[in-house]
Amino acid sequence: MRKDHFVRKQIVVMVMSDESNFSGVGRFLQCLLDGLSSLEKIRFCYIHLVQDKNQIFVKKIKHPHFVEVRIPLPLNMSEMIRQGYWSEAYNLSVYPYLKDLLEDGCILHLNTVNLIDLALFLKKRKRCSIVSHLHCLPWKANYNTNRQKFNMLYELQRSGKVEQKDISRFFQIRSEADFYFKSDRIVCVTECARKFLRDILRIPDSKIRVVYNGMRDKAGEVVHRSDTSLFQLVYVGTLSASKGLPFILEALKLVQSWGYRAKLKIAGKTTDRMRGFLQSKYSHLDLDFLGLVPFEVLADIYRTSDAGIIASLQEQCSYAAIEMMMFGLPVVSTEVDGLRELFTDKTNALLVPVKFSLLKGLGADIERMAKQIVYLMTHRLQTLCMGRNGRKQYENRYTEEVMMKNIMDVFCELDDNL
């Protein structure tokens, strides 16, 4: 990586987010900004378009190594995204706050699909390149919002017979096609995403780069608890349908019916109503709803757990999975999307197949999940070995250093072409 050459260009990290919802993209940005700050002579700034009812003015915040510009989004953000007229009007209104911040020849690094309108607007006024980071496959969000459409698209992709006329079916918002086809590079976080871009959307492979997520090692000395009287599992994530928590709860019902006991710690954003419903429905299970917790608290949860469990039906390069490996936890995980790349069955995890039909849709094999949980409970030496293997996998592929090297290689590649 030719750092001395690269420092001539400025990196502009951009994201659009809802302040009330911390996601995997938020975790990635924390890691990216930390990584960029640690690199000498790298010039960068952070543009954060934020939906926050408590913020109505643009804020410029000076950090030790970069400037953050927080720009409020309209409350009717979905309307702005749907209509090009309002998107253009918004871009015109925010441009005065950005034009003096951006250097000619900068690299715009987008971390949200719906930022492409603003990026193309800026590109008309400043000489720059656009790197679009694809953290998820947007069409898969239909699992939570439109199950029928999800099933149709899942079957269409699975068939391998996607024709040119079918491509637009996978786009969720007006500007999504521009995100894929007008970016100078697309960074995706899994090989399965690269395959989707290349084989389904027909995007040239030369335009796509795979950069796995990574994070700084925060595990310290990995020493798990010695008390084995009650096996403790940890689930980390939202309670949305695609994250699959109900599959885990049904599997634990089976585990208990077979005469085994386990405690499930649930860390993630939820509502009082949802928590109350699940506690009532599964009152016979030992569940601990922890809510959204800071990482320092989550780290202690990892250290006091015996294993992690992931039941997602759509996932890319999951930070929860990376954290579990970093802390040396064996994992029970569904075998979908990027989770297949993170985990190897019987090496650092026990995998659970998923089932699909147009009638029933996509779901996890609950009985198999229950059997995998029991295996971890009854084979503690193998469990420890899988945890150590997961830790090695983290060290080899998912550290902050590896991620930063790979993403800087992408920036350097574009820097050569400006």
Protein backbone atom coordinates (compact mmCIF):
# COMPACT_ATOMS: atom_id res chain seq x y z
CA MET A 1 0.00 0.00 0.00
CA ARG A 2 1.59 3.25 -1.14
CA LYS A 3 0.68 5.50 1.77
CA ASP A 4 3.03 8.35 0.78
CA HIS A 5 1.26 8.62 -2.57
CA PHE A 6 -2.21 8.21 -1.11
CA VAL A 7 -2.08 11.07 1.39
CA ARG A 8 -2.62 13.58 -1.42
CA LYS A 9 -6.30 12.61 -1.47
CA GLN A 10 -9.00 13.22 1.11
CA ILE A 11 -11.42 10.50 2.24
CA VAL A 12 -14.98 11.64 2.95
CA VAL A 13 -16.84 9.04 5.01
CA MET A 14 -20.62 9.41 4.60
CA VAL A 15 -23.60 7.76 6.26
CA MET A 16 -27.33 8.33 6.67
CA SER A 17 -28.85 6.97 9.87
CA ASP A 18 -31.61 7.10 12.46
CA GLU A 19 -30.14 8.24 15.78
CA SER A 20 -32.52 5.98 17.72
CA ASN A 21 -31.25 2.79 16.06
CA PHE A 22 -27.66 1.55 16.43
CA SER A 23 -26.87 -1.05 13.77
CA GLY A 24 -23.99 -3.07 12.40
CA VAL A 25 -23.23 -0.14 10.07
CA GLY A 26 -22.78 2.02 13.16
CA ARG A 27 -20.36 -0.52 14.61
CA PHE A 28 -18.43 -0.59 11.32
CA LEU A 29 -18.15 3.20 11.25
CA GLN A 30 -16.78 3.27 14.80
CA CYS A 31 -14.10 0.79 13.73
CA LEU A 32 -13.39 2.61 10.45
CA LEU A 33 -12.99 6.03 12.06
CA ASP A 34 -10.75 4.54 14.76
CA GLY A 35 -8.68 2.86 12.06
CA LEU A 36 -8.34 5.97 9.91
CA SER A 37 -7.40 8.02 12.99
CA SER A 38 -4.54 5.62 13.72
CA LEU A 39 -3.02 6.04 10.25
CA GLU A 40 -0.49 8.86 9.97
CA LYS A 41 -1.10 11.71 7.51
CA ILE A 42 -4.46 10.37 6.25
CA ARG A 43 -6.85 13.29 5.65
CA PHE A 44 -10.51 12.48 6.18
CA CYS A 45 -13.79 13.91 7.37
CA TYR A 46 -17.10 12.38 8.43
CA ILE A 47 -20.46 13.53 7.05
CA HIS A 48 -23.36 12.16 9.07
CA LEU A 49 -26.87 12.78 7.79
CA VAL A 50 -28.92 11.99 10.85
CA GLN A 51 -32.60 11.63 11.63
CA ASP A 52 -32.82 12.99 15.16
CA LYS A 53 -35.82 14.90 16.49
CA ASN A 54 -33.52 16.72 18.92
CA GLN A 55 -31.32 18.18 16.20
CA ILE A 56 -32.58 20.90 13.83
CA PHE A 57 -29.31 22.71 12.94
CA VAL A 58 -26.12 21.59 11.22
CA LYS A 59 -23.31 20.86 13.69
CA LYS A 60 -19.57 20.74 13.04
CA ILE A 61 -17.71 18.73 15.66
CA LYS A 62 -13.91 18.77 15.80
CA HIS A 63 -12.42 15.44 16.85
CA PRO A 64 -8.66 14.97 17.45
CA HIS A 65 -8.08 13.57 13.94
CA PHE A 66 -11.09 14.63 11.84
CA VAL A 67 -14.10 16.91 11.52
CA GLU A 68 -17.61 15.49 11.82
CA VAL A 69 -20.49 17.32 10.16
CA ARG A 70 -23.92 16.30 11.49
CA ILE A 71 -26.69 17.35 9.12
CA PRO A 72 -30.33 16.84 10.14
CA LEU A 73 -32.61 14.87 7.84
CA PRO A 74 -36.26 15.81 7.34
CA LEU A 75 -38.73 13.91 9.50
CA ASN A 76 -40.40 12.62 6.33
CA MET A 77 -37.15 11.07 5.12
CA SER A 78 -38.93 8.22 3.32
CA GLU A 79 -40.76 10.74 1.14
CA MET A 80 -37.47 12.43 0.23
CA ILE A 81 -35.93 9.09 -0.73
CA ARG A 82 -38.90 8.15 -2.92
CA GLN A 83 -39.08 11.39 -4.89
CA GLY A 84 -36.20 12.80 -6.90
CA TYR A 85 -37.55 16.36 -6.67
CA TRP A 86 -37.33 16.49 -2.87
CA SER A 87 -33.99 14.71 -2.86
CA GLU A 88 -32.56 17.35 -5.21
CA ALA A 89 -34.02 20.14 -3.07
CA TYR A 90 -32.44 18.65 0.06
CA ASN A 91 -29.06 18.30 -1.65
CA LEU A 92 -29.16 21.96 -2.71
CA SER A 93 -29.92 23.00 0.86
CA VAL A 94 -26.98 21.10 2.41
CA TYR A 95 -24.38 21.80 -0.25
CA PRO A 96 -23.32 25.19 1.23
CA TYR A 97 -22.24 23.34 4.41
CA LEU A 98 -20.13 20.87 2.43
CA LYS A 99 -18.55 22.70 -0.49
CA ASP A 100 -15.68 24.23 1.48
CA LEU A 101 -15.09 21.01 3.43
CA LEU A 102 -14.51 18.79 0.39
CA GLU A 103 -11.18 18.88 -1.38
CA ASP A 104 -10.98 18.56 -5.15
CA GLY A 105 -10.16 14.95 -6.04
CA CYS A 106 -11.59 13.51 -2.80
CA ILE A 107 -12.97 9.99 -2.44
CA LEU A 108 -16.59 9.81 -1.26
CA HIS A 109 -17.08 6.67 0.81
CA LEU A 110 -20.81 5.91 1.04
CA ASN A 111 -22.15 3.64 3.77
CA THR A 112 -25.86 3.92 2.96
CA VAL A 113 -27.54 3.07 -0.34
CA ASN A 114 -29.77 6.16 -0.33
CA LEU A 115 -26.75 8.50 -0.19
CA ILE A 116 -26.02 7.97 -3.88
CA ASP A 117 -28.17 10.98 -4.90
CA LEU A 118 -26.08 13.32 -2.77
CA ALA A 119 -22.83 11.73 -3.92
CA LEU A 120 -23.71 12.16 -7.60
CA PHE A 121 -24.82 15.73 -6.85
CA LEU A 122 -21.41 16.43 -5.29
CA LYS A 123 -19.57 14.70 -8.12
CA LYS A 124 -21.04 17.21 -10.59
CA ARG A 125 -19.50 20.02 -8.55
CA LYS A 126 -16.27 18.47 -7.26
CA ARG A 127 -13.84 16.15 -9.00
CA CYS A 128 -14.11 12.96 -6.96
CA SER A 129 -14.61 9.20 -6.98
CA ILE A 130 -17.40 7.24 -5.30
CA VAL A 131 -16.78 4.10 -3.26
CA SER A 132 -20.07 2.52 -2.21
CA HIS A 133 -19.95 0.14 0.76
CA LEU A 134 -22.67 -2.52 0.61
CA HIS A 135 -23.20 -3.64 4.21
CA CYS A 136 -26.35 -5.64 3.46
CA LEU A 137 -28.43 -6.82 0.50
CA PRO A 138 -31.40 -4.41 0.64
CA TRP A 139 -33.91 -6.75 -0.97
CA LYS A 140 -33.55 -9.19 1.93
CA ALA A 141 -35.13 -6.64 4.27
CA ASN A 142 -38.42 -7.75 2.70
CA TYR A 143 -38.35 -10.67 5.13
CA ASN A 144 -39.40 -8.21 7.83
CA THR A 145 -41.73 -6.03 5.76
CA ASN A 146 -43.12 -8.03 2.83
CA ARG A 147 -42.74 -11.78 3.28
CA GLN A 148 -44.49 -12.62 0.02
CA LYS A 149 -42.09 -10.46 -1.99
CA PHE A 150 -39.12 -11.91 -0.10
CA ASN A 151 -40.20 -15.45 -0.96
CA MET A 152 -40.62 -14.53 -4.63
CA LEU A 153 -37.16 -12.93 -4.85
CA TYR A 154 -35.52 -15.71 -2.83
CA GLU A 155 -36.94 -18.32 -5.20
CA LEU A 156 -35.96 -16.23 -8.25
CA GLN A 157 -32.35 -15.95 -7.07
CA ARG A 158 -32.24 -19.61 -6.06
CA SER A 159 -33.43 -20.68 -9.51
CA GLY A 160 -30.39 -19.10 -11.18
CA LYS A 161 -32.65 -17.93 -14.01
CA VAL A 162 -32.76 -14.19 -13.45
CA GLU A 163 -33.26 -12.43 -16.78
CA GLN A 164 -32.45 -8.80 -17.58
CA LYS A 165 -36.09 -7.81 -17.12
CA ASP A 166 -36.07 -9.30 -13.60
CA ILE A 167 -33.15 -7.25 -12.24
CA SER A 168 -35.24 -4.23 -11.24
CA ARG A 169 -37.37 -6.45 -9.00
CA PHE A 170 -34.48 -6.60 -6.54
CA PHE A 171 -34.32 -2.80 -6.12
CA GLN A 172 -36.06 -1.40 -3.04
CA ILE A 173 -35.72 2.36 -3.57
CA ARG A 174 -35.70 4.72 -6.55
CA SER A 175 -31.96 5.37 -6.55
CA GLU A 176 -30.69 1.87 -5.78
CA ALA A 177 -29.72 1.18 -9.40
CA ASP A 178 -27.52 4.30 -9.39
CA PHE A 179 -25.79 3.01 -6.24
CA TYR A 180 -24.72 -0.13 -8.09
CA PHE A 181 -24.12 1.15 -11.60
CA LYS A 182 -22.77 4.69 -11.09
CA SER A 183 -20.30 4.05 -8.25
CA ASP A 184 -16.64 3.78 -9.21
CA ARG A 185 -16.15 0.83 -6.86
CA ILE A 186 -18.49 -1.29 -4.77
CA VAL A 187 -17.11 -2.74 -1.56
CA CYS A 188 -19.12 -5.66 -0.24
CA VAL A 189 -18.45 -7.55 2.97
CA THR A 190 -18.94 -11.15 1.79
CA GLU A 191 -18.24 -13.30 -1.24
CA CYS A 192 -21.96 -14.14 -1.42
CA ALA A 193 -22.72 -10.43 -1.91
CA ARG A 194 -20.11 -10.28 -4.67
CA LYS A 195 -21.85 -13.24 -6.32
CA PHE A 196 -25.21 -11.44 -6.14
CA LEU A 197 -23.76 -8.27 -7.69
CA ARG A 198 -21.94 -10.17 -10.42
CA ASP A 199 -24.39 -12.95 -11.29
CA ILE A 200 -27.77 -11.33 -10.62
CA LEU A 201 -27.18 -7.61 -11.27
CA ARG A 202 -24.53 -8.25 -13.98
CA ILE A 203 -22.05 -5.78 -12.45
CA PRO A 204 -18.49 -6.31 -13.77
CA ASP A 205 -16.36 -8.22 -11.30
CA SER A 206 -13.54 -5.71 -11.87
CA LYS A 207 -15.67 -3.06 -10.13
CA ILE A 208 -16.33 -5.16 -6.99
CA ARG A 209 -14.04 -5.63 -3.98
CA VAL A 210 -14.66 -7.81 -0.92
CA VAL A 211 -13.51 -6.34 2.40
CA TYR A 212 -14.55 -8.29 5.48
CA ASN A 213 -15.55 -6.31 8.55
CA GLY A 214 -12.99 -6.09 11.31
CA MET A 215 -12.58 -4.59 14.75
CA ARG A 216 -9.87 -3.79 17.27
CA ASP A 217 -9.17 -6.58 19.73
CA LYS A 218 -11.05 -5.75 22.93
CA ALA A 219 -11.24 -9.20 24.45
CA GLY A 220 -8.17 -9.04 26.66
CA GLU A 221 -7.30 -12.38 28.21
CA VAL A 222 -10.10 -14.76 27.27
CA VAL A 223 -10.97 -16.68 30.44
CA HIS A 224 -14.48 -18.06 30.59
CA ARG A 225 -16.34 -18.78 33.79
CA SER A 226 -15.64 -22.01 35.63
CA ASP A 227 -19.17 -22.45 36.98
CA THR A 228 -20.81 -24.98 34.65
CA SER A 229 -23.96 -25.64 36.67
CA LEU A 230 -26.14 -23.79 34.17
CA PHE A 231 -25.18 -23.52 30.51
CA GLN A 232 -25.39 -19.89 29.38
CA LEU A 233 -26.06 -18.82 25.81
CA VAL A 234 -25.88 -15.25 24.52
CA TYR A 235 -27.91 -13.76 21.66
CA VAL A 236 -26.97 -10.29 20.35
CA GLY A 237 -29.17 -8.35 17.95
CA THR A 238 -32.52 -6.73 17.39
CA LEU A 239 -35.73 -8.67 17.78
CA SER A 240 -36.73 -8.29 14.12
CA ALA A 241 -38.17 -11.37 12.43
CA SER A 242 -35.14 -11.96 10.19
CA LYS A 243 -32.85 -12.28 13.24
CA GLY A 244 -34.69 -15.47 14.16
CA LEU A 245 -35.03 -15.22 17.95
CA PRO A 246 -38.31 -17.24 17.91
CA PHE A 247 -36.42 -20.17 16.35
CA ILE A 248 -33.97 -20.06 19.24
CA LEU A 249 -36.77 -20.01 21.82
CA GLU A 250 -38.54 -22.93 20.17
CA ALA A 251 -35.24 -24.84 20.08
CA LEU A 252 -34.73 -24.17 23.79
CA LYS A 253 -38.22 -25.56 24.45
CA LEU A 254 -37.09 -28.80 22.84
CA VAL A 255 -33.81 -28.76 24.79
CA GLN A 256 -35.75 -28.41 28.03
CA SER A 257 -38.19 -31.17 27.06
CA TRP A 258 -35.19 -33.47 26.64
CA GLY A 259 -34.15 -32.82 30.24
CA TYR A 260 -31.46 -30.14 29.74
CA ARG A 261 -31.43 -26.62 31.15
CA ALA A 262 -29.88 -23.52 29.61
CA LYS A 263 -30.09 -19.79 30.24
CA LEU A 264 -30.42 -17.36 27.32
CA LYS A 265 -29.13 -13.80 27.68
CA ILE A 266 -30.68 -11.50 25.06
CA ALA A 267 -28.77 -8.28 24.31
CA GLY A 268 -30.43 -5.91 21.87
CA LYS A 269 -33.03 -3.26 21.33
CA THR A 270 -36.60 -4.30 22.07
CA THR A 271 -39.90 -2.84 23.21
CA ASP A 272 -41.68 -3.44 26.51
CA ARG A 273 -44.56 -4.96 24.58
CA MET A 274 -42.38 -7.45 22.69
CA ARG A 275 -40.42 -8.37 25.81
CA GLY A 276 -43.64 -8.91 27.75
CA PHE A 277 -45.10 -11.07 24.98
CA LEU A 278 -42.04 -13.33 24.78
CA GLN A 279 -41.70 -13.61 28.56
CA SER A 280 -45.35 -14.65 28.77
CA LYS A 281 -45.20 -17.12 25.88
CA TYR A 282 -41.93 -18.69 27.06
CA SER A 283 -42.38 -18.25 30.82
CA HIS A 284 -40.95 -21.73 31.46
CA LEU A 285 -37.60 -20.78 29.88
CA ASP A 286 -34.76 -19.01 31.69
CA LEU A 287 -34.56 -15.75 29.71
CA ASP A 288 -32.71 -12.56 30.61
CA PHE A 289 -33.67 -9.54 28.46
CA LEU A 290 -30.78 -7.10 28.82
CA GLY A 291 -31.86 -4.46 26.31
CA LEU A 292 -29.44 -2.32 24.31
CA VAL A 293 -26.19 -2.29 26.29
CA PRO A 294 -22.85 -0.47 25.76
CA PHE A 295 -19.98 -2.56 24.47
CA GLU A 296 -18.20 -2.59 27.84
CA VAL A 297 -21.22 -4.36 29.33
CA LEU A 298 -21.54 -6.64 26.32
CA ALA A 299 -17.90 -7.67 26.72
CA ASP A 300 -18.62 -8.90 30.26
CA ILE A 301 -21.62 -10.81 28.94
CA TYR A 302 -19.41 -12.58 26.41
CA ARG A 303 -16.89 -13.41 29.14
CA THR A 304 -19.56 -14.98 31.36
CA SER A 305 -21.26 -17.01 28.63
CA ASP A 306 -20.56 -20.53 27.44
CA ALA A 307 -21.58 -20.07 23.80
CA GLY A 308 -23.11 -17.64 21.34
CA ILE A 309 -26.18 -18.35 19.25
CA ILE A 310 -27.22 -16.77 15.93
CA ALA A 311 -30.44 -17.64 14.11
CA SER A 312 -30.48 -15.00 11.36
CA LEU A 313 -32.15 -15.74 8.05
CA GLN A 314 -30.23 -12.99 6.27
CA GLU A 315 -26.83 -11.77 7.41
CA GLN A 316 -23.68 -10.42 5.84
CA CYS A 317 -20.45 -9.95 7.84
CA SER A 318 -22.07 -9.94 11.28
CA TYR A 319 -20.35 -7.93 13.99
CA ALA A 320 -22.07 -10.03 16.64
CA ALA A 321 -20.46 -13.12 15.10
CA ILE A 322 -17.04 -11.42 14.93
CA GLU A 323 -17.32 -10.39 18.58
CA MET A 324 -18.22 -13.92 19.64
CA MET A 325 -15.14 -15.26 17.85
CA MET A 326 -12.98 -12.48 19.30
CA PHE A 327 -14.02 -13.56 22.80
CA GLY A 328 -13.38 -17.22 22.04
CA LEU A 329 -17.00 -18.36 22.18
CA PRO A 330 -18.17 -21.42 20.27
CA VAL A 331 -21.28 -20.60 18.27
CA VAL A 332 -24.46 -22.26 17.09
CA SER A 333 -25.42 -20.49 13.87
CA THR A 334 -27.79 -20.76 10.95
CA GLU A 335 -26.09 -21.63 7.68
CA VAL A 336 -27.05 -18.61 5.54
CA ASP A 337 -25.36 -15.88 3.50
CA GLY A 338 -22.20 -14.50 5.11
CA LEU A 339 -22.49 -16.74 8.16
CA ARG A 340 -21.34 -19.61 5.93
CA GLU A 341 -18.14 -17.63 5.31
CA LEU A 342 -17.59 -16.71 8.95
CA PHE A 343 -18.11 -20.18 10.37
CA THR A 344 -16.98 -23.71 9.51
CA ASP A 345 -19.14 -26.52 10.86
CA LYS A 346 -17.56 -28.50 13.70
CA THR A 347 -14.46 -26.27 13.57
CA ASN A 348 -15.47 -22.96 15.14
CA ALA A 349 -19.24 -23.41 15.17
CA LEU A 350 -22.09 -25.86 14.84
CA LEU A 351 -24.21 -24.92 11.84
CA VAL A 352 -27.96 -25.23 11.45
CA PRO A 353 -29.46 -25.61 7.96
CA VAL A 354 -32.37 -23.48 6.80
CA LYS A 355 -35.47 -24.69 4.99
CA PHE A 356 -37.35 -22.89 2.21
CA SER A 357 -40.58 -23.38 0.31
CA LEU A 358 -42.81 -20.86 -1.46
CA LEU A 359 -45.66 -21.96 0.80
CA LYS A 360 -43.88 -21.77 4.19
CA GLY A 361 -41.06 -19.39 3.31
CA LEU A 362 -37.60 -19.45 4.87
CA GLY A 363 -37.01 -20.84 8.34
CA ALA A 364 -34.43 -22.55 10.52
CA ASP A 365 -34.35 -26.25 11.32
CA ILE A 366 -35.46 -26.01 14.97
CA GLU A 367 -34.81 -29.64 15.88
CA ARG A 368 -31.31 -29.48 14.45
CA MET A 369 -30.66 -26.26 16.39
CA ALA A 370 -31.79 -27.93 19.61
CA LYS A 371 -29.48 -30.88 18.97
CA GLN A 372 -26.54 -28.55 18.35
CA ILE A 373 -27.18 -26.73 21.62
CA VAL A 374 -27.27 -30.03 23.50
CA TYR A 375 -24.03 -31.11 21.81
CA LEU A 376 -22.28 -27.99 23.12
CA MET A 377 -23.68 -28.64 26.59
CA THR A 378 -22.52 -32.25 26.69
CA HIS A 379 -19.13 -32.01 24.90
CA ARG A 380 -17.28 -29.33 26.82
CA LEU A 381 -13.79 -30.17 25.55
CA GLN A 382 -14.93 -29.87 21.95
CA THR A 383 -16.71 -26.65 22.90
CA LEU A 384 -13.48 -25.12 24.20
CA CYS A 385 -11.63 -26.24 21.07
CA MET A 386 -14.22 -24.57 18.81
CA GLY A 387 -13.90 -21.37 20.84
CA ARG A 388 -10.12 -21.35 20.38
CA ASN A 389 -10.53 -21.95 16.64
CA GLY A 390 -12.98 -19.06 16.44
CA ARG A 391 -10.45 -16.83 18.16
CA LYS A 392 -7.79 -17.83 15.58
CA GLN A 393 -10.24 -17.09 12.76
CA TYR A 394 -10.77 -13.61 14.19
CA GLU A 395 -7.02 -12.98 14.45
CA ASN A 396 -6.40 -14.10 10.86
CA ARG A 397 -9.27 -12.37 9.06
CA TYR A 398 -11.40 -9.98 11.13
CA THR A 399 -9.02 -7.64 12.95
CA GLU A 400 -9.04 -3.88 12.46
CA GLU A 401 -5.57 -4.09 10.86
CA VAL A 402 -6.71 -6.55 8.17
CA MET A 403 -9.86 -4.56 7.41
CA MET A 404 -8.00 -1.25 7.18
CA LYS A 405 -5.31 -2.65 4.89
CA ASN A 406 -7.94 -4.02 2.51
CA ILE A 407 -10.10 -0.92 2.41
CA MET A 408 -7.09 1.37 2.03
CA ASP A 409 -6.04 -0.77 -0.95
CA VAL A 410 -9.38 0.10 -2.56
CA PHE A 411 -8.89 3.82 -1.89
CA CYS A 412 -5.33 3.69 -3.24
CA GLU A 413 -6.55 1.98 -6.39
CA LEU A 414 -8.98 4.84 -7.05
CA ASP A 415 -6.38 7.42 -6.04
CA ASP A 416 -4.20 6.18 -8.91
CA ASN A 417 -7.05 6.77 -11.36
CA LEU A 418 -7.97 10.33 -10.34
